[in-house]
PDB file of N, CA and C in Angstrom:
ATOM      1  N   UNK A   1       9.156   5.325  27.584  1.00  0.00           N
ATOM      2  CA  UNK A   1       7.945   5.220  26.737  1.00  0.00           C
ATOM      3  C   UNK A   1       7.574   3.916  25.811  1.00  0.00           C
ATOM      4  N   UNK A   2       6.968   4.095  25.361  1.00  0.00           N
ATOM      5  CA  UNK A   2       7.358   1.966  24.116  1.00  0.00           C
ATOM      6  C   UNK A   2       6.853   3.492  22.787  1.00  0.00           C
ATOM      7  N   UNK A   3       7.348   1.339  21.934  1.00  0.00           N
ATOM      8  CA  UNK A   3       7.512   1.491  21.027  1.00  0.00           C
ATOM      9  C   UNK A   3       6.610   1.054  20.362  1.00  0.00           C
ATOM     10  N   UNK A   4       6.355   1.416  19.086  1.00  0.00           N
ATOM     11  CA  UNK A   4       5.121   0.670  18.231  1.00  0.00           C
ATOM     12  C   UNK A   4       6.112  -0.451  17.655  1.00  0.00           C
ATOM     13  N   UNK A   5       6.462  -0.942  17.575  1.00  0.00           N
ATOM     14  CA  UNK A   5       7.183  -2.628  17.655  1.00  0.00           C
ATOM     15  C   UNK A   5       7.290  -3.194  18.928  1.00  0.00           C
ATOM     16  N   UNK A   6       6.946  -2.734  19.638  1.00  0.00           N
ATOM     17  CA  UNK A   6       7.099  -3.431  20.993  1.00  0.00           C
ATOM     18  C   UNK A   6       4.051  -3.628  20.912  1.00  0.00           C
ATOM     19  N   UNK A   7       4.344  -2.975  19.862  1.00  0.00           N
ATOM     20  CA  UNK A   7       2.606  -4.177  20.363  1.00  0.00           C
ATOM     21  C   UNK A   7       2.575  -4.618  20.399  1.00  0.00           C
ATOM     22  N   UNK A   8       1.293  -4.832  21.113  1.00  0.00           N
ATOM     23  CA  UNK A   8       1.053  -6.464  19.958  1.00  0.00           C
ATOM     24  C   UNK A   8      -0.186  -5.793  18.546  1.00  0.00           C
ATOM     25  N   UNK A   9      -0.255  -6.533  18.115  1.00  0.00           N
ATOM     26  CA  UNK A   9       0.127  -6.569  16.994  1.00  0.00           C
ATOM     27  C   UNK A   9      -1.114  -5.761  16.440  1.00  0.00           C
ATOM     28  N   UNK A  10      -2.884  -6.141  17.342  1.00  0.00           N
ATOM     29  CA  UNK A  10      -3.555  -5.288  16.823  1.00  0.00           C
ATOM     30  C   UNK A  10      -3.506  -4.231  17.263  1.00  0.00           C
ATOM     31  N   UNK A  11      -2.812  -4.182  18.207  1.00  0.00           N
ATOM     32  CA  UNK A  11      -2.883  -2.419  19.078  1.00  0.00           C
ATOM     33  C   UNK A  11      -1.539  -0.937  18.401  1.00  0.00           C
ATOM     34  N   UNK A  12      -0.899  -1.919  17.595  1.00  0.00           N
ATOM     35  CA  UNK A  12       0.010  -1.887  16.462  1.00  0.00           C
ATOM     36  C   UNK A  12      -0.787  -1.112  15.276  1.00  0.00           C
ATOM     37  N   UNK A  13      -1.143  -2.031  14.516  1.00  0.00           N
ATOM     38  CA  UNK A  13      -3.072  -1.535  13.559  1.00  0.00           C
ATOM     39  C   UNK A  13      -3.093  -0.225  13.642  1.00  0.00           C
ATOM     40  N   UNK A  14      -3.723  -0.436  14.714  1.00  0.00           N
ATOM     41  CA  UNK A  14      -4.289   0.857  15.127  1.00  0.00           C
ATOM     42  C   UNK A  14      -3.480   2.412  15.319  1.00  0.00           C
ATOM     43  N   UNK A  15      -2.650   2.055  15.979  1.00  0.00           N
ATOM     44  CA  UNK A  15      -1.409   3.185  15.803  1.00  0.00           C
ATOM     45  C   UNK A  15      -1.857   3.629  14.839  1.00  0.00           C
ATOM     46  N   UNK A  16      -0.522   2.597  14.114  1.00  0.00           N
ATOM     47  CA  UNK A  16      -0.555   2.862  12.371  1.00  0.00           C
ATOM     48  C   UNK A  16      -1.668   3.622  11.986  1.00  0.00           C
ATOM     49  N   UNK A  17      -3.075   3.861  11.838  1.00  0.00           N
ATOM     50  CA  UNK A  17      -4.177   3.669  11.402  1.00  0.00           C
ATOM     51  C   UNK A  17      -4.948   5.007  12.633  1.00  0.00           C
ATOM     52  N   UNK A  18      -4.122   5.838  13.725  1.00  0.00           N
ATOM     53  CA  UNK A  18      -4.769   6.602  13.532  1.00  0.00           C
ATOM     54  C   UNK A  18      -3.522   7.458  13.158  1.00  0.00           C
ATOM     55  N   UNK A  19      -2.199   7.558  13.464  1.00  0.00           N
ATOM     56  CA  UNK A  19      -1.321   8.411  12.455  1.00  0.00           C
ATOM     57  C   UNK A  19      -1.381   8.412  10.742  1.00  0.00           C
ATOM     58  N   UNK A  20      -2.335   7.182  10.803  1.00  0.00           N
ATOM     59  CA  UNK A  20      -2.798   7.505   8.868  1.00  0.00           C
ATOM     60  C   UNK A  20      -4.143   8.266   8.224  1.00  0.00           C
ATOM     61  N   UNK A  21      -4.803   8.358   9.712  1.00  0.00           N
ATOM     62  CA  UNK A  21      -5.956   9.578  10.253  1.00  0.00           C
ATOM     63  C   UNK A  21      -5.522  10.228  10.133  1.00  0.00           C
ATOM     64  N   UNK A  22      -4.716  11.496  10.672  1.00  0.00           N
ATOM     65  CA  UNK A  22      -3.993  12.180  11.520  1.00  0.00           C
ATOM     66  C   UNK A  22      -3.611  13.218   9.318  1.00  0.00           C
ATOM     67  N   UNK A  23      -3.276  12.182   9.097  1.00  0.00           N
ATOM     68  CA  UNK A  23      -2.480  12.189   8.215  1.00  0.00           C
ATOM     69  C   UNK A  23      -3.291  12.898   6.957  1.00  0.00           C
ATOM     70  N   UNK A  24      -4.186  11.962   7.018  1.00  0.00           N
ATOM     71  CA  UNK A  24      -5.214  11.728   6.209  1.00  0.00           C
ATOM     72  C   UNK A  24      -5.521  13.475   5.734  1.00  0.00           C
ATOM     73  N   UNK A  25      -6.079  13.775   6.995  1.00  0.00           N
ATOM     74  CA  UNK A  25      -6.660  15.512   6.565  1.00  0.00           C
ATOM     75  C   UNK A  25      -8.645  15.054   6.585  1.00  0.00           C
ATOM     76  N   UNK A  26      -8.547  16.473   7.085  1.00  0.00           N
ATOM     77  CA  UNK A  26      -9.832  16.665   6.480  1.00  0.00           C
ATOM     78  C   UNK A  26     -10.958  16.255   5.813  1.00  0.00           C
ATOM     79  N   UNK A  27     -10.863  15.904   4.889  1.00  0.00           N
ATOM     80  CA  UNK A  27     -11.340  15.238   3.517  1.00  0.00           C
ATOM     81  C   UNK A  27     -10.432  14.743   2.463  1.00  0.00           C
ATOM     82  N   UNK A  28      -9.658  13.414   3.137  1.00  0.00           N
ATOM     83  CA  UNK A  28      -9.066  12.507   2.231  1.00  0.00           C
ATOM     84  C   UNK A  28     -10.172  12.349   0.659  1.00  0.00           C
ATOM     85  N   UNK A  29      -8.819  11.516  -0.606  1.00  0.00           N
ATOM     86  CA  UNK A  29      -9.396  10.973  -1.255  1.00  0.00           C
ATOM     87  C   UNK A  29     -10.352   9.477  -1.092  1.00  0.00           C
ATOM     88  N   UNK A  30     -11.571   9.852  -1.859  1.00  0.00           N
ATOM     89  CA  UNK A  30     -11.909   8.523  -1.568  1.00  0.00           C
ATOM     90  C   UNK A  30     -11.769   7.287  -1.792  1.00  0.00           C
ATOM     91  N   UNK A  31     -10.725   6.739  -1.733  1.00  0.00           N
ATOM     92  CA  UNK A  31      -9.848   5.986  -2.079  1.00  0.00           C
ATOM     93  C   UNK A  31      -9.105   5.833  -0.233  1.00  0.00           C
ATOM     94  N   UNK A  32      -8.745   6.684  -0.470  1.00  0.00           N
ATOM     95  CA  UNK A  32      -8.233   6.410   0.947  1.00  0.00           C
ATOM     96  C   UNK A  32      -9.090   6.923   2.401  1.00  0.00           C
ATOM     97  N   UNK A  33      -9.802   7.548   2.034  1.00  0.00           N
ATOM     98  CA  UNK A  33     -11.556   7.214   3.267  1.00  0.00           C
ATOM     99  C   UNK A  33     -11.305   5.770   2.808  1.00  0.00           C
ATOM    100  N   UNK A  34     -11.623   4.850   1.900  1.00  0.00           N
ATOM    101  CA  UNK A  34     -12.391   3.296   1.863  1.00  0.00           C
ATOM    102  C   UNK A  34     -11.591   2.540   3.073  1.00  0.00           C
ATOM    103  N   UNK A  35     -10.192   2.524   2.135  1.00  0.00           N
ATOM    104  CA  UNK A  35      -8.584   1.715   2.839  1.00  0.00           C
ATOM    105  C   UNK A  35      -8.813   2.358   3.874  1.00  0.00           C
ATOM    106  N   UNK A  36      -8.320   2.942   5.469  1.00  0.00           N
ATOM    107  CA  UNK A  36      -9.377   3.714   6.507  1.00  0.00           C
ATOM    108  C   UNK A  36      -9.906   3.488   7.467  1.00  0.00           C
ATOM    109  N   UNK A  37     -11.881   3.767   6.716  1.00  0.00           N
ATOM    110  CA  UNK A  37     -12.727   2.805   7.615  1.00  0.00           C
ATOM    111  C   UNK A  37     -12.180   0.831   7.457  1.00  0.00           C
ATOM    112  N   UNK A  38     -12.091   0.947   6.469  1.00  0.00           N
ATOM    113  CA  UNK A  38     -11.480  -1.388   6.460  1.00  0.00           C
ATOM    114  C   UNK A  38     -10.902  -1.109   7.314  1.00  0.00           C
ATOM    115  N   UNK A  39      -9.572  -0.231   6.968  1.00  0.00           N
ATOM    116  CA  UNK A  39      -9.288  -1.000   8.446  1.00  0.00           C
ATOM    117  C   UNK A  39      -9.170  -0.190   9.871  1.00  0.00           C
ATOM    118  N   UNK A  40      -9.953  -0.046  10.001  1.00  0.00           N
ATOM    119  CA  UNK A  40     -11.211   0.305  11.097  1.00  0.00           C
ATOM    120  C   UNK A  40     -11.767  -0.179  11.304  1.00  0.00           C
ATOM    121  N   UNK A  41     -12.611  -1.068  10.691  1.00  0.00           N
ATOM    122  CA  UNK A  41     -13.706  -2.376  10.531  1.00  0.00           C
ATOM    123  C   UNK A  41     -13.337  -2.942  11.535  1.00  0.00           C
ATOM    124  N   UNK A  42     -11.560  -3.196  11.044  1.00  0.00           N
ATOM    125  CA  UNK A  42     -10.805  -4.592  11.440  1.00  0.00           C
ATOM    126  C   UNK A  42     -10.565  -4.398  12.721  1.00  0.00           C
ATOM    127  N   UNK A  43      -9.991  -3.347  13.011  1.00  0.00           N
ATOM    128  CA  UNK A  43      -8.936  -2.879  14.134  1.00  0.00           C
ATOM    129  C   UNK A  43     -10.645  -3.711  15.203  1.00  0.00           C
ATOM    130  N   UNK A  44     -11.836  -2.176  15.029  1.00  0.00           N
ATOM    131  CA  UNK A  44     -12.945  -2.808  15.851  1.00  0.00           C
ATOM    132  C   UNK A  44     -13.223  -4.116  15.901  1.00  0.00           C
ATOM    133  N   UNK A  45     -13.900  -5.339  15.145  1.00  0.00           N
ATOM    134  CA  UNK A  45     -14.025  -6.939  14.051  1.00  0.00           C
ATOM    135  C   UNK A  45     -12.480  -7.357  13.817  1.00  0.00           C
ATOM    136  N   UNK A  46     -11.616  -7.541  15.134  1.00  0.00           N
ATOM    137  CA  UNK A  46     -10.607  -8.780  13.903  1.00  0.00           C
ATOM    138  C   UNK A  46     -10.390  -9.392  12.947  1.00  0.00           C
ATOM    139  N   UNK A  47     -11.615  -9.577  12.130  1.00  0.00           N
ATOM    140  CA  UNK A  47     -12.113 -11.519  11.809  1.00  0.00           C
ATOM    141  C   UNK A  47     -11.430 -11.663  10.514  1.00  0.00           C
ATOM    142  N   UNK A  48     -11.076 -12.486  10.361  1.00  0.00           N
ATOM    143  CA  UNK A  48     -10.212 -12.580   8.795  1.00  0.00           C
ATOM    144  C   UNK A  48     -10.749 -12.341   6.935  1.00  0.00           C
ATOM    145  N   UNK A  49     -12.331 -11.592   7.148  1.00  0.00           N
ATOM    146  CA  UNK A  49     -12.591 -11.954   6.530  1.00  0.00           C
ATOM    147  C   UNK A  49     -12.649  -9.910   6.384  1.00  0.00           C
ATOM    148  N   UNK A  50     -13.026  -8.768   8.002  1.00  0.00           N
ATOM    149  CA  UNK A  50     -12.184  -7.975   7.432  1.00  0.00           C
ATOM    150  C   UNK A  50     -10.748  -7.757   7.476  1.00  0.00           C
ATOM    151  N   UNK A  51      -9.906  -8.784   7.844  1.00  0.00           N
ATOM    152  CA  UNK A  51      -8.353  -8.244   7.268  1.00  0.00           C
ATOM    153  C   UNK A  51      -8.284  -7.808   6.396  1.00  0.00           C
ATOM    154  N   UNK A  52      -8.804  -8.980   5.681  1.00  0.00           N
ATOM    155  CA  UNK A  52      -8.075  -8.555   4.163  1.00  0.00           C
ATOM    156  C   UNK A  52      -9.005  -8.092   3.078  1.00  0.00           C
ATOM    157  N   UNK A  53      -9.789  -7.739   3.605  1.00  0.00           N
ATOM    158  CA  UNK A  53     -11.041  -6.122   2.597  1.00  0.00           C
ATOM    159  C   UNK A  53      -9.501  -5.242   3.298  1.00  0.00           C
ATOM    160  N   UNK A  54      -9.411  -5.085   4.529  1.00  0.00           N
ATOM    161  CA  UNK A  54      -8.207  -4.011   4.405  1.00  0.00           C
ATOM    162  C   UNK A  54      -7.321  -4.201   3.550  1.00  0.00           C
ATOM    163  N   UNK A  55      -6.839  -4.548   3.224  1.00  0.00           N
ATOM    164  CA  UNK A  55      -5.750  -5.095   2.410  1.00  0.00           C
ATOM    165  C   UNK A  55      -5.527  -5.198   1.265  1.00  0.00           C
ATOM    166  N   UNK A  56      -7.080  -5.078   0.243  1.00  0.00           N
ATOM    167  CA  UNK A  56      -7.324  -5.269  -0.537  1.00  0.00           C
ATOM    168  C   UNK A  56      -7.324  -3.844  -0.943  1.00  0.00           C
ATOM    169  N   UNK A  57      -8.024  -3.019   0.081  1.00  0.00           N
ATOM    170  CA  UNK A  57      -8.703  -1.454  -0.078  1.00  0.00           C
ATOM    171  C   UNK A  57      -7.382  -0.537   0.001  1.00  0.00           C
ATOM    172  N   UNK A  58      -6.449  -1.639   0.851  1.00  0.00           N
ATOM    173  CA  UNK A  58      -4.600  -0.676   0.812  1.00  0.00           C
ATOM    174  C   UNK A  58      -4.414  -0.654  -0.596  1.00  0.00           C
ATOM    175  N   UNK A  59      -3.693  -1.614  -0.597  1.00  0.00           N
ATOM    176  CA  UNK A  59      -3.833  -2.504  -2.034  1.00  0.00           C
ATOM    177  C   UNK A  59      -3.608  -1.395  -3.361  1.00  0.00           C
ATOM    178  N   UNK A  60      -5.010  -0.893  -3.289  1.00  0.00           N
ATOM    179  CA  UNK A  60      -5.435   0.171  -4.225  1.00  0.00           C
ATOM    180  C   UNK A  60      -5.290   1.254  -3.949  1.00  0.00           C
ATOM    181  N   UNK A  61      -4.694   1.900  -3.032  1.00  0.00           N
ATOM    182  CA  UNK A  61      -4.464   2.584  -2.441  1.00  0.00           C
ATOM    183  C   UNK A  61      -2.408   3.319  -3.227  1.00  0.00           C
ATOM    184  N   UNK A  62      -1.841   1.675  -1.967  1.00  0.00           N
ATOM    185  CA  UNK A  62      -0.394   2.257  -2.116  1.00  0.00           C
ATOM    186  C   UNK A  62       0.394   2.185  -1.521  1.00  0.00           C
ATOM    187  N   UNK A  63       1.706   2.453  -1.084  1.00  0.00           N
ATOM    188  CA  UNK A  63       1.654   3.087  -0.034  1.00  0.00           C
ATOM    189  C   UNK A  63       2.159   4.181  -0.677  1.00  0.00           C
ATOM    190  N   UNK A  64       2.321   4.983  -1.211  1.00  0.00           N
ATOM    191  CA  UNK A  64       2.737   6.556  -0.911  1.00  0.00           C
ATOM    192  C   UNK A  64       1.416   7.035   0.239  1.00  0.00           C
ATOM    193  N   UNK A  65       0.765   7.350   0.539  1.00  0.00           N
ATOM    194  CA  UNK A  65      -0.496   7.491   1.894  1.00  0.00           C
ATOM    195  C   UNK A  65      -0.703   7.196   2.573  1.00  0.00           C
ATOM    196  N   UNK A  66      -0.143   7.167   3.916  1.00  0.00           N
ATOM    197  CA  UNK A  66      -0.119   5.676   4.749  1.00  0.00           C
ATOM    198  C   UNK A  66      -1.127   5.561   5.204  1.00  0.00           C
ATOM    199  N   UNK A  67      -2.407   5.884   4.308  1.00  0.00           N
ATOM    200  CA  UNK A  67      -3.332   5.119   4.923  1.00  0.00           C
ATOM    201  C   UNK A  67      -3.362   3.452   3.916  1.00  0.00           C
ATOM    202  N   UNK A  68      -2.554   4.096   2.396  1.00  0.00           N
ATOM    203  CA  UNK A  68      -2.121   2.319   2.789  1.00  0.00           C
ATOM    204  C   UNK A  68      -1.236   1.226   3.054  1.00  0.00           C
ATOM    205  N   UNK A  69      -0.468   2.569   4.470  1.00  0.00           N
ATOM    206  CA  UNK A  69       0.492   1.384   4.924  1.00  0.00           C
ATOM    207  C   UNK A  69      -0.558   0.576   6.030  1.00  0.00           C
ATOM    208  N   UNK A  70      -1.357   0.860   7.030  1.00  0.00           N
ATOM    209  CA  UNK A  70      -2.035   1.411   7.824  1.00  0.00           C
ATOM    210  C   UNK A  70      -2.592  -0.280   7.461  1.00  0.00           C
ATOM    211  N   UNK A  71      -4.039   0.333   7.066  1.00  0.00           N
ATOM    212  CA  UNK A  71      -4.865  -1.159   5.790  1.00  0.00           C
ATOM    213  C   UNK A  71      -3.136  -2.105   5.867  1.00  0.00           C
ATOM    214  N   UNK A  72      -2.530  -2.524   4.695  1.00  0.00           N
ATOM    215  CA  UNK A  72      -0.964  -3.685   4.908  1.00  0.00           C
ATOM    216  C   UNK A  72      -1.395  -4.473   5.570  1.00  0.00           C
ATOM    217  N   UNK A  73      -0.477  -3.474   6.879  1.00  0.00           N
ATOM    218  CA  UNK A  73      -0.634  -3.551   7.839  1.00  0.00           C
ATOM    219  C   UNK A  73      -1.879  -4.743   9.000  1.00  0.00           C
ATOM    220  N   UNK A  74      -2.453  -5.168   8.508  1.00  0.00           N
ATOM    221  CA  UNK A  74      -3.477  -5.455   9.059  1.00  0.00           C
ATOM    222  C   UNK A  74      -3.047  -6.856   8.528  1.00  0.00           C
ATOM    223  N   UNK A  75      -2.595  -7.329   7.348  1.00  0.00           N
ATOM    224  CA  UNK A  75      -2.555  -8.785   6.961  1.00  0.00           C
ATOM    225  C   UNK A  75      -1.679  -9.111   7.797  1.00  0.00           C
ATOM    226  N   UNK A  76      -1.015  -9.480   8.584  1.00  0.00           N
ATOM    227  CA  UNK A  76      -0.046 -10.433   8.965  1.00  0.00           C
ATOM    228  C   UNK A  76      -0.603 -10.751  10.813  1.00  0.00           C
ATOM    229  N   UNK A  77      -0.881  -9.238  11.085  1.00  0.00           N
ATOM    230  CA  UNK A  77      -1.494  -8.988  11.739  1.00  0.00           C
ATOM    231  C   UNK A  77      -2.244  -9.809  12.230  1.00  0.00           C
ATOM    232  N   UNK A  78      -2.896 -10.529  11.806  1.00  0.00           N
ATOM    233  CA  UNK A  78      -4.226 -11.219  11.953  1.00  0.00           C
ATOM    234  C   UNK A  78      -3.371 -12.873  11.580  1.00  0.00           C
ATOM    235  N   UNK A  79      -4.277 -14.044  12.189  1.00  0.00           N
ATOM    236  CA  UNK A  79      -3.983 -15.055  12.177  1.00  0.00           C
ATOM    237  C   UNK A  79      -3.041 -15.916  11.356  1.00  0.00           C
ATOM    238  N   UNK A  80      -3.285 -15.876   9.785  1.00  0.00           N
ATOM    239  CA  UNK A  80      -2.159 -16.671   8.584  1.00  0.00           C
ATOM    240  C   UNK A  80      -2.546 -15.344   7.249  1.00  0.00           C
ATOM    241  N   UNK A  81      -1.329 -15.246   6.967  1.00  0.00           N
ATOM    242  CA  UNK A  81      -1.570 -14.106   6.066  1.00  0.00           C
ATOM    243  C   UNK A  81      -1.330 -15.036   4.249  1.00  0.00           C
ATOM    244  N   UNK A  82      -1.983 -16.525   4.532  1.00  0.00           N
ATOM    245  CA  UNK A  82      -2.144 -16.613   3.678  1.00  0.00           C
ATOM    246  C   UNK A  82      -3.005 -16.973   2.882  1.00  0.00           C
ATOM    247  N   UNK A  83      -3.563 -16.912   1.790  1.00  0.00           N
ATOM    248  CA  UNK A  83      -5.286 -16.118   0.579  1.00  0.00           C
ATOM    249  C   UNK A  83      -6.104 -17.311   1.699  1.00  0.00           C
ATOM    250  N   UNK A  84      -6.800 -16.797   1.090  1.00  0.00           N
ATOM    251  CA  UNK A  84      -8.395 -17.411   1.578  1.00  0.00           C
ATOM    252  C   UNK A  84      -8.674 -19.561   1.325  1.00  0.00           C
ATOM    253  N   UNK A  85      -9.252 -20.243   1.144  1.00  0.00           N
ATOM    254  CA  UNK A  85      -9.404 -21.018   1.140  1.00  0.00           C
ATOM    255  C   UNK A  85     -10.378 -21.122   0.654  1.00  0.00           C
TER     256      UNK A  85
END
């Protein structure tokens, strides 16, 4: 069995997103839904703009829902967690 910690960074975020999406249920609150959508967008197109948007929306949700944790995972998964220039 493969562990999440052994996955490449993008795939690890995808795995976290799948778990968060399942935990959110069929009708997540709007902020959770926005965070999930932003993270999904970064997974599909891992560019810096999408990564930072995923992080911002995850911060708005917090760490209590799994969606916040999945979105936060996108930031260090990119090239640099430093602030945008």
